[in-house]
PDB file of N, CA and C in Angstrom:
ATOM      1  N   UNK A   1      -6.838  26.761 -12.208  1.00  0.00           N
ATOM      2  CA  UNK A   1      -6.997  26.139 -13.494  1.00  0.00           C
ATOM      3  C   UNK A   1      -7.496  24.717 -13.269  1.00  0.00           C
ATOM      4  N   UNK A   2      -8.424  24.268 -14.110  1.00  0.00           N
ATOM      5  CA  UNK A   2      -8.973  22.919 -14.025  1.00  0.00           C
ATOM      6  C   UNK A   2      -8.740  22.213 -15.356  1.00  0.00           C
ATOM      7  N   UNK A   3      -8.197  21.010 -15.289  1.00  0.00           N
ATOM      8  CA  UNK A   3      -7.995  20.185 -16.481  1.00  0.00           C
ATOM      9  C   UNK A   3      -8.825  18.921 -16.350  1.00  0.00           C
ATOM     10  N   UNK A   4      -9.494  18.553 -17.432  1.00  0.00           N
ATOM     11  CA  UNK A   4     -10.187  17.266 -17.502  1.00  0.00           C
ATOM     12  C   UNK A   4      -9.276  16.327 -18.274  1.00  0.00           C
ATOM     13  N   UNK A   5      -8.930  15.185 -17.662  1.00  0.00           N
ATOM     14  CA  UNK A   5      -8.003  14.245 -18.272  1.00  0.00           C
ATOM     15  C   UNK A   5      -8.644  12.864 -18.274  1.00  0.00           C
ATOM     16  N   UNK A   6      -8.534  12.171 -19.417  1.00  0.00           N
ATOM     17  CA  UNK A   6      -8.968  10.779 -19.508  1.00  0.00           C
ATOM     18  C   UNK A   6      -7.710   9.929 -19.551  1.00  0.00           C
ATOM     19  N   UNK A   7      -7.523   9.103 -18.525  1.00  0.00           N
ATOM     20  CA  UNK A   7      -6.353   8.232 -18.449  1.00  0.00           C
ATOM     21  C   UNK A   7      -6.717   6.840 -18.951  1.00  0.00           C
ATOM     22  N   UNK A   8      -5.956   6.347 -19.905  1.00  0.00           N
ATOM     23  CA  UNK A   8      -6.122   4.973 -20.366  1.00  0.00           C
ATOM     24  C   UNK A   8      -5.540   4.033 -19.322  1.00  0.00           C
ATOM     25  N   UNK A   9      -5.834   2.760 -19.428  1.00  0.00           N
ATOM     26  CA  UNK A   9      -5.288   1.774 -18.496  1.00  0.00           C
ATOM     27  C   UNK A   9      -3.755   1.844 -18.511  1.00  0.00           C
ATOM     28  N   UNK A  10      -3.163   2.015 -17.338  1.00  0.00           N
ATOM     29  CA  UNK A  10      -1.709   2.089 -17.213  1.00  0.00           C
ATOM     30  C   UNK A  10      -1.103   3.451 -17.516  1.00  0.00           C
ATOM     31  N   UNK A  11      -1.893   4.412 -17.951  1.00  0.00           N
ATOM     32  CA  UNK A  11      -1.373   5.738 -18.287  1.00  0.00           C
ATOM     33  C   UNK A  11      -1.121   6.563 -17.025  1.00  0.00           C
ATOM     34  N   UNK A  12      -0.083   7.412 -17.091  1.00  0.00           N
ATOM     35  CA  UNK A  12       0.309   8.250 -15.959  1.00  0.00           C
ATOM     36  C   UNK A  12       0.249   9.726 -16.328  1.00  0.00           C
ATOM     37  N   UNK A  13       0.064  10.560 -15.296  1.00  0.00           N
ATOM     38  CA  UNK A  13       0.079  12.005 -15.453  1.00  0.00           C
ATOM     39  C   UNK A  13       0.962  12.586 -14.360  1.00  0.00           C
ATOM     40  N   UNK A  14       1.950  13.408 -14.733  1.00  0.00           N
ATOM     41  CA  UNK A  14       2.840  14.039 -13.761  1.00  0.00           C
ATOM     42  C   UNK A  14       2.144  15.235 -13.117  1.00  0.00           C
ATOM     43  N   UNK A  15       2.329  15.368 -11.820  1.00  0.00           N
ATOM     44  CA  UNK A  15       1.734  16.458 -11.042  1.00  0.00           C
ATOM     45  C   UNK A  15       2.854  17.163 -10.288  1.00  0.00           C
ATOM     46  N   UNK A  16       3.194  18.379 -10.697  1.00  0.00           N
ATOM     47  CA  UNK A  16       4.305  19.130 -10.105  1.00  0.00           C
ATOM     48  C   UNK A  16       3.762  20.190  -9.147  1.00  0.00           C
ATOM     49  N   UNK A  17       4.110  20.067  -7.876  1.00  0.00           N
ATOM     50  CA  UNK A  17       3.603  20.992  -6.858  1.00  0.00           C
ATOM     51  C   UNK A  17       4.585  22.116  -6.535  1.00  0.00           C
ATOM     52  N   UNK A  18       5.544  22.381  -7.415  1.00  0.00           N
ATOM     53  CA  UNK A  18       6.549  23.406  -7.147  1.00  0.00           C
ATOM     54  C   UNK A  18       5.928  24.760  -6.817  1.00  0.00           C
ATOM     55  N   UNK A  19       4.976  25.207  -7.629  1.00  0.00           N
ATOM     56  CA  UNK A  19       4.370  26.525  -7.424  1.00  0.00           C
ATOM     57  C   UNK A  19       2.860  26.480  -7.241  1.00  0.00           C
ATOM     58  N   UNK A  20       2.306  25.319  -6.947  1.00  0.00           N
ATOM     59  CA  UNK A  20       0.857  25.245  -6.821  1.00  0.00           C
ATOM     60  C   UNK A  20       0.406  24.076  -5.948  1.00  0.00           C
ATOM     61  N   UNK A  21      -0.809  24.208  -5.461  1.00  0.00           N
ATOM     62  CA  UNK A  21      -1.491  23.125  -4.766  1.00  0.00           C
ATOM     63  C   UNK A  21      -2.329  22.402  -5.810  1.00  0.00           C
ATOM     64  N   UNK A  22      -2.342  21.064  -5.762  1.00  0.00           N
ATOM     65  CA  UNK A  22      -3.056  20.282  -6.767  1.00  0.00           C
ATOM     66  C   UNK A  22      -4.058  19.360  -6.084  1.00  0.00           C
ATOM     67  N   UNK A  23      -5.286  19.365  -6.596  1.00  0.00           N
ATOM     68  CA  UNK A  23      -6.313  18.432  -6.137  1.00  0.00           C
ATOM     69  C   UNK A  23      -6.730  17.572  -7.326  1.00  0.00           C
ATOM     70  N   UNK A  24      -6.735  16.254  -7.114  1.00  0.00           N
ATOM     71  CA  UNK A  24      -7.155  15.302  -8.145  1.00  0.00           C
ATOM     72  C   UNK A  24      -8.515  14.743  -7.723  1.00  0.00           C
ATOM     73  N   UNK A  25      -9.477  14.785  -8.646  1.00  0.00           N
ATOM     74  CA  UNK A  25     -10.826  14.271  -8.382  1.00  0.00           C
ATOM     75  C   UNK A  25     -11.129  13.179  -9.398  1.00  0.00           C
ATOM     76  N   UNK A  26     -11.511  12.006  -8.913  1.00  0.00           N
ATOM     77  CA  UNK A  26     -11.933  10.921  -9.788  1.00  0.00           C
ATOM     78  C   UNK A  26     -13.408  11.143 -10.125  1.00  0.00           C
ATOM     79  N   UNK A  27     -13.735  11.229 -11.407  1.00  0.00           N
ATOM     80  CA  UNK A  27     -15.098  11.577 -11.821  1.00  0.00           C
ATOM     81  C   UNK A  27     -16.043  10.389 -11.919  1.00  0.00           C
ATOM     82  N   UNK A  28     -15.526   9.196 -12.055  1.00  0.00           N
ATOM     83  CA  UNK A  28     -16.364   8.012 -12.172  1.00  0.00           C
ATOM     84  C   UNK A  28     -15.661   6.839 -11.495  1.00  0.00           C
ATOM     85  N   UNK A  29     -16.274   5.683 -11.531  1.00  0.00           N
ATOM     86  CA  UNK A  29     -15.642   4.506 -10.932  1.00  0.00           C
ATOM     87  C   UNK A  29     -14.353   4.195 -11.691  1.00  0.00           C
ATOM     88  N   UNK A  30     -13.350   3.821 -10.969  1.00  0.00           N
ATOM     89  CA  UNK A  30     -12.062   3.509 -11.556  1.00  0.00           C
ATOM     90  C   UNK A  30     -11.062   3.279 -10.447  1.00  0.00           C
ATOM     91  N   UNK A  31      -9.793   3.362 -10.787  1.00  0.00           N
ATOM     92  CA  UNK A  31      -8.755   3.177  -9.786  1.00  0.00           C
ATOM     93  C   UNK A  31      -7.529   3.988 -10.193  1.00  0.00           C
ATOM     94  N   UNK A  32      -7.289   5.077  -9.468  1.00  0.00           N
ATOM     95  CA  UNK A  32      -6.161   5.961  -9.751  1.00  0.00           C
ATOM     96  C   UNK A  32      -5.282   6.051  -8.504  1.00  0.00           C
ATOM     97  N   UNK A  33      -4.005   5.782  -8.684  1.00  0.00           N
ATOM     98  CA  UNK A  33      -3.052   5.881  -7.581  1.00  0.00           C
ATOM     99  C   UNK A  33      -2.265   7.176  -7.691  1.00  0.00           C
ATOM    100  N   UNK A  34      -2.073   7.841  -6.552  1.00  0.00           N
ATOM    101  CA  UNK A  34      -1.235   9.035  -6.474  1.00  0.00           C
ATOM    102  C   UNK A  34       0.027   8.614  -5.719  1.00  0.00           C
ATOM    103  N   UNK A  35       1.190   8.751  -6.382  1.00  0.00           N
ATOM    104  CA  UNK A  35       2.435   8.351  -5.735  1.00  0.00           C
ATOM    105  C   UNK A  35       3.539   9.356  -6.030  1.00  0.00           C
ATOM    106  N   UNK A  36       4.581   9.339  -5.186  1.00  0.00           N
ATOM    107  CA  UNK A  36       5.684  10.275  -5.379  1.00  0.00           C
ATOM    108  C   UNK A  36       6.763   9.657  -6.262  1.00  0.00           C
ATOM    109  N   UNK A  37       7.882  10.365  -6.399  1.00  0.00           N
ATOM    110  CA  UNK A  37       8.956   9.908  -7.282  1.00  0.00           C
ATOM    111  C   UNK A  37       9.636   8.631  -6.790  1.00  0.00           C
ATOM    112  N   UNK A  38       9.456   8.303  -5.504  1.00  0.00           N
ATOM    113  CA  UNK A  38      10.035   7.084  -4.938  1.00  0.00           C
ATOM    114  C   UNK A  38       9.031   5.933  -4.927  1.00  0.00           C
ATOM    115  N   UNK A  39       7.940   6.085  -5.664  1.00  0.00           N
ATOM    116  CA  UNK A  39       6.866   5.090  -5.766  1.00  0.00           C
ATOM    117  C   UNK A  39       6.150   4.821  -4.444  1.00  0.00           C
ATOM    118  N   UNK A  40       6.169   5.793  -3.536  1.00  0.00           N
ATOM    119  CA  UNK A  40       5.400   5.693  -2.293  1.00  0.00           C
ATOM    120  C   UNK A  40       3.979   6.144  -2.602  1.00  0.00           C
ATOM    121  N   UNK A  41       3.007   5.266  -2.360  1.00  0.00           N
ATOM    122  CA  UNK A  41       1.610   5.566  -2.669  1.00  0.00           C
ATOM    123  C   UNK A  41       1.013   6.412  -1.555  1.00  0.00           C
ATOM    124  N   UNK A  42       0.480   7.581  -1.923  1.00  0.00           N
ATOM    125  CA  UNK A  42      -0.149   8.493  -0.976  1.00  0.00           C
ATOM    126  C   UNK A  42      -1.662   8.299  -0.929  1.00  0.00           C
ATOM    127  N   UNK A  43      -2.261   7.908  -2.051  1.00  0.00           N
ATOM    128  CA  UNK A  43      -3.713   7.711  -2.094  1.00  0.00           C
ATOM    129  C   UNK A  43      -4.077   6.821  -3.272  1.00  0.00           C
ATOM    130  N   UNK A  44      -5.182   6.121  -3.108  1.00  0.00           N
ATOM    131  CA  UNK A  44      -5.789   5.368  -4.206  1.00  0.00           C
ATOM    132  C   UNK A  44      -7.247   5.789  -4.272  1.00  0.00           C
ATOM    133  N   UNK A  45      -7.610   6.433  -5.369  1.00  0.00           N
ATOM    134  CA  UNK A  45      -8.980   6.903  -5.569  1.00  0.00           C
ATOM    135  C   UNK A  45      -9.757   5.823  -6.306  1.00  0.00           C
ATOM    136  N   UNK A  46     -10.916   5.413  -5.751  1.00  0.00           N
ATOM    137  CA  UNK A  46     -11.664   4.320  -6.361  1.00  0.00           C
ATOM    138  C   UNK A  46     -13.151   4.606  -6.528  1.00  0.00           C
ATOM    139  N   UNK A  47     -13.662   5.613  -5.873  1.00  0.00           N
ATOM    140  CA  UNK A  47     -15.086   5.930  -5.947  1.00  0.00           C
ATOM    141  C   UNK A  47     -15.297   7.250  -6.677  1.00  0.00           C
ATOM    142  N   UNK A  48     -16.451   7.376  -7.308  1.00  0.00           N
ATOM    143  CA  UNK A  48     -16.761   8.620  -8.011  1.00  0.00           C
ATOM    144  C   UNK A  48     -16.716   9.802  -7.055  1.00  0.00           C
ATOM    145  N   UNK A  49     -16.084  10.865  -7.485  1.00  0.00           N
ATOM    146  CA  UNK A  49     -15.931  12.133  -6.776  1.00  0.00           C
ATOM    147  C   UNK A  49     -15.019  12.052  -5.553  1.00  0.00           C
ATOM    148  N   UNK A  50     -14.272  10.980  -5.416  1.00  0.00           N
ATOM    149  CA  UNK A  50     -13.251  10.909  -4.373  1.00  0.00           C
ATOM    150  C   UNK A  50     -12.111  11.824  -4.803  1.00  0.00           C
ATOM    151  N   UNK A  51     -11.483  12.515  -3.830  1.00  0.00           N
ATOM    152  CA  UNK A  51     -10.437  13.476  -4.181  1.00  0.00           C
ATOM    153  C   UNK A  51      -9.264  13.390  -3.219  1.00  0.00           C
ATOM    154  N   UNK A  52      -8.127  13.912  -3.691  1.00  0.00           N
ATOM    155  CA  UNK A  52      -6.923  13.974  -2.873  1.00  0.00           C
ATOM    156  C   UNK A  52      -6.182  15.255  -3.229  1.00  0.00           C
ATOM    157  N   UNK A  53      -5.689  15.976  -2.202  1.00  0.00           N
ATOM    158  CA  UNK A  53      -4.995  17.246  -2.409  1.00  0.00           C
ATOM    159  C   UNK A  53      -3.531  17.108  -2.040  1.00  0.00           C
ATOM    160  N   UNK A  54      -2.679  17.630  -2.918  1.00  0.00           N
ATOM    161  CA  UNK A  54      -1.232  17.670  -2.707  1.00  0.00           C
ATOM    162  C   UNK A  54      -0.844  19.103  -2.362  1.00  0.00           C
ATOM    163  N   UNK A  55      -0.143  19.287  -1.261  1.00  0.00           N
ATOM    164  CA  UNK A  55       0.249  20.622  -0.808  1.00  0.00           C
ATOM    165  C   UNK A  55       1.342  21.209  -1.695  1.00  0.00           C
ATOM    166  N   UNK A  56       1.401  22.533  -1.717  1.00  0.00           N
ATOM    167  CA  UNK A  56       2.414  23.245  -2.489  1.00  0.00           C
ATOM    168  C   UNK A  56       3.813  22.883  -1.993  1.00  0.00           C
ATOM    169  N   UNK A  57       4.739  22.737  -2.931  1.00  0.00           N
ATOM    170  CA  UNK A  57       6.141  22.517  -2.603  1.00  0.00           C
ATOM    171  C   UNK A  57       6.481  21.149  -2.058  1.00  0.00           C
ATOM    172  N   UNK A  58       5.646  20.148  -2.299  1.00  0.00           N
ATOM    173  CA  UNK A  58       5.921  18.813  -1.766  1.00  0.00           C
ATOM    174  C   UNK A  58       6.560  17.877  -2.777  1.00  0.00           C
ATOM    175  N   UNK A  59       6.790  18.353  -3.995  1.00  0.00           N
ATOM    176  CA  UNK A  59       7.500  17.549  -4.989  1.00  0.00           C
ATOM    177  C   UNK A  59       6.677  17.227  -6.217  1.00  0.00           C
ATOM    178  N   UNK A  60       7.199  16.263  -6.974  1.00  0.00           N
ATOM    179  CA  UNK A  60       6.540  15.812  -8.198  1.00  0.00           C
ATOM    180  C   UNK A  60       5.881  14.464  -7.907  1.00  0.00           C
ATOM    181  N   UNK A  61       4.611  14.355  -8.265  1.00  0.00           N
ATOM    182  CA  UNK A  61       3.842  13.149  -8.033  1.00  0.00           C
ATOM    183  C   UNK A  61       3.333  12.613  -9.364  1.00  0.00           C
ATOM    184  N   UNK A  62       2.792  11.406  -9.327  1.00  0.00           N
ATOM    185  CA  UNK A  62       2.217  10.779 -10.510  1.00  0.00           C
ATOM    186  C   UNK A  62       0.819  10.291 -10.179  1.00  0.00           C
ATOM    187  N   UNK A  63      -0.129  10.567 -11.066  1.00  0.00           N
ATOM    188  CA  UNK A  63      -1.458   9.974 -10.985  1.00  0.00           C
ATOM    189  C   UNK A  63      -1.496   8.893 -12.052  1.00  0.00           C
ATOM    190  N   UNK A  64      -1.688   7.644 -11.640  1.00  0.00           N
ATOM    191  CA  UNK A  64      -1.658   6.519 -12.577  1.00  0.00           C
ATOM    192  C   UNK A  64      -2.967   5.742 -12.528  1.00  0.00           C
ATOM    193  N   UNK A  65      -3.505   5.454 -13.699  1.00  0.00           N
ATOM    194  CA  UNK A  65      -4.698   4.618 -13.802  1.00  0.00           C
ATOM    195  C   UNK A  65      -4.249   3.167 -13.660  1.00  0.00           C
ATOM    196  N   UNK A  66      -4.561   2.552 -12.535  1.00  0.00           N
ATOM    197  CA  UNK A  66      -4.164   1.167 -12.309  1.00  0.00           C
ATOM    198  C   UNK A  66      -5.310   0.203 -12.613  1.00  0.00           C
ATOM    199  N   UNK A  67      -6.411   0.734 -13.152  1.00  0.00           N
ATOM    200  CA  UNK A  67      -7.550  -0.097 -13.546  1.00  0.00           C
ATOM    201  C   UNK A  67      -7.386  -0.619 -14.957  1.00  0.00           C
ATOM    202  N   UNK A  68      -8.383  -1.363 -15.415  1.00  0.00           N
ATOM    203  CA  UNK A  68      -8.319  -1.974 -16.742  1.00  0.00           C
ATOM    204  C   UNK A  68      -9.094  -1.199 -17.807  1.00  0.00           C
ATOM    205  N   UNK A  69      -9.776  -0.124 -17.396  1.00  0.00           N
ATOM    206  CA  UNK A  69     -10.520   0.688 -18.362  1.00  0.00           C
ATOM    207  C   UNK A  69     -10.169   2.166 -18.173  1.00  0.00           C
ATOM    208  N   UNK A  70     -10.578   2.989 -19.133  1.00  0.00           N
ATOM    209  CA  UNK A  70     -10.325   4.427 -19.056  1.00  0.00           C
ATOM    210  C   UNK A  70     -11.004   5.018 -17.824  1.00  0.00           C
ATOM    211  N   UNK A  71     -10.409   6.074 -17.271  1.00  0.00           N
ATOM    212  CA  UNK A  71     -11.072   6.786 -16.183  1.00  0.00           C
ATOM    213  C   UNK A  71     -10.881   8.289 -16.367  1.00  0.00           C
ATOM    214  N   UNK A  72     -11.868   9.036 -15.923  1.00  0.00           N
ATOM    215  CA  UNK A  72     -11.879  10.490 -16.031  1.00  0.00           C
ATOM    216  C   UNK A  72     -11.467  11.095 -14.708  1.00  0.00           C
ATOM    217  N   UNK A  73     -10.542  12.052 -14.775  1.00  0.00           N
ATOM    218  CA  UNK A  73     -10.161  12.784 -13.574  1.00  0.00           C
ATOM    219  C   UNK A  73     -10.192  14.286 -13.874  1.00  0.00           C
ATOM    220  N   UNK A  74     -10.384  15.052 -12.820  1.00  0.00           N
ATOM    221  CA  UNK A  74     -10.228  16.497 -12.888  1.00  0.00           C
ATOM    222  C   UNK A  74      -9.005  16.846 -12.067  1.00  0.00           C
ATOM    223  N   UNK A  75      -8.162  17.728 -12.604  1.00  0.00           N
ATOM    224  CA  UNK A  75      -6.959  18.181 -11.896  1.00  0.00           C
ATOM    225  C   UNK A  75      -7.102  19.677 -11.676  1.00  0.00           C
ATOM    226  N   UNK A  76      -7.239  20.059 -10.403  1.00  0.00           N
ATOM    227  CA  UNK A  76      -7.369  21.464 -10.017  1.00  0.00           C
ATOM    228  C   UNK A  76      -6.002  21.958  -9.576  1.00  0.00           C
ATOM    229  N   UNK A  77      -5.512  23.034 -10.213  1.00  0.00           N
ATOM    230  CA  UNK A  77      -4.229  23.640  -9.842  1.00  0.00           C
ATOM    231  C   UNK A  77      -4.476  25.053  -9.344  1.00  0.00           C
ATOM    232  N   UNK A  78      -4.036  25.304  -8.120  1.00  0.00           N
ATOM    233  CA  UNK A  78      -4.138  26.658  -7.558  1.00  0.00           C
ATOM    234  C   UNK A  78      -2.728  27.243  -7.573  1.00  0.00           C
ATOM    235  N   UNK A  79      -2.465  28.114  -8.528  1.00  0.00           N
ATOM    236  CA  UNK A  79      -1.139  28.676  -8.688  1.00  0.00           C
ATOM    237  C   UNK A  79      -0.844  29.716  -7.609  1.00  0.00           C
ATOM    238  N   UNK A  80       0.342  29.667  -7.054  1.00  0.00           N
ATOM    239  CA  UNK A  80       0.810  30.617  -6.063  1.00  0.00           C
ATOM    240  C   UNK A  80       2.035  31.315  -6.648  1.00  0.00           C
ATOM    241  N   UNK A  81       2.009  32.633  -6.687  1.00  0.00           N
ATOM    242  CA  UNK A  81       3.140  33.372  -7.268  1.00  0.00           C
ATOM    243  C   UNK A  81       3.909  34.072  -6.184  1.00  0.00           C
TER     244      UNK A  81
END
């Protein structure tokens, strides 16, 4: 499943890897941080088409727009049953 999400400045999106692998792709220039529940930053996406993949079963993460303008991301979820 693929979701297109527009994050406003400071907006967050929860990413739950309980039953799936998740890849986040930044579609344009911006700044999106991927961090876990303990606020440990795993990646900062800043260039168009930069991506980061979260493995299945690694927990709940947050994708946060830390820039000052809206940014477009694609969230790819590969469900495992």
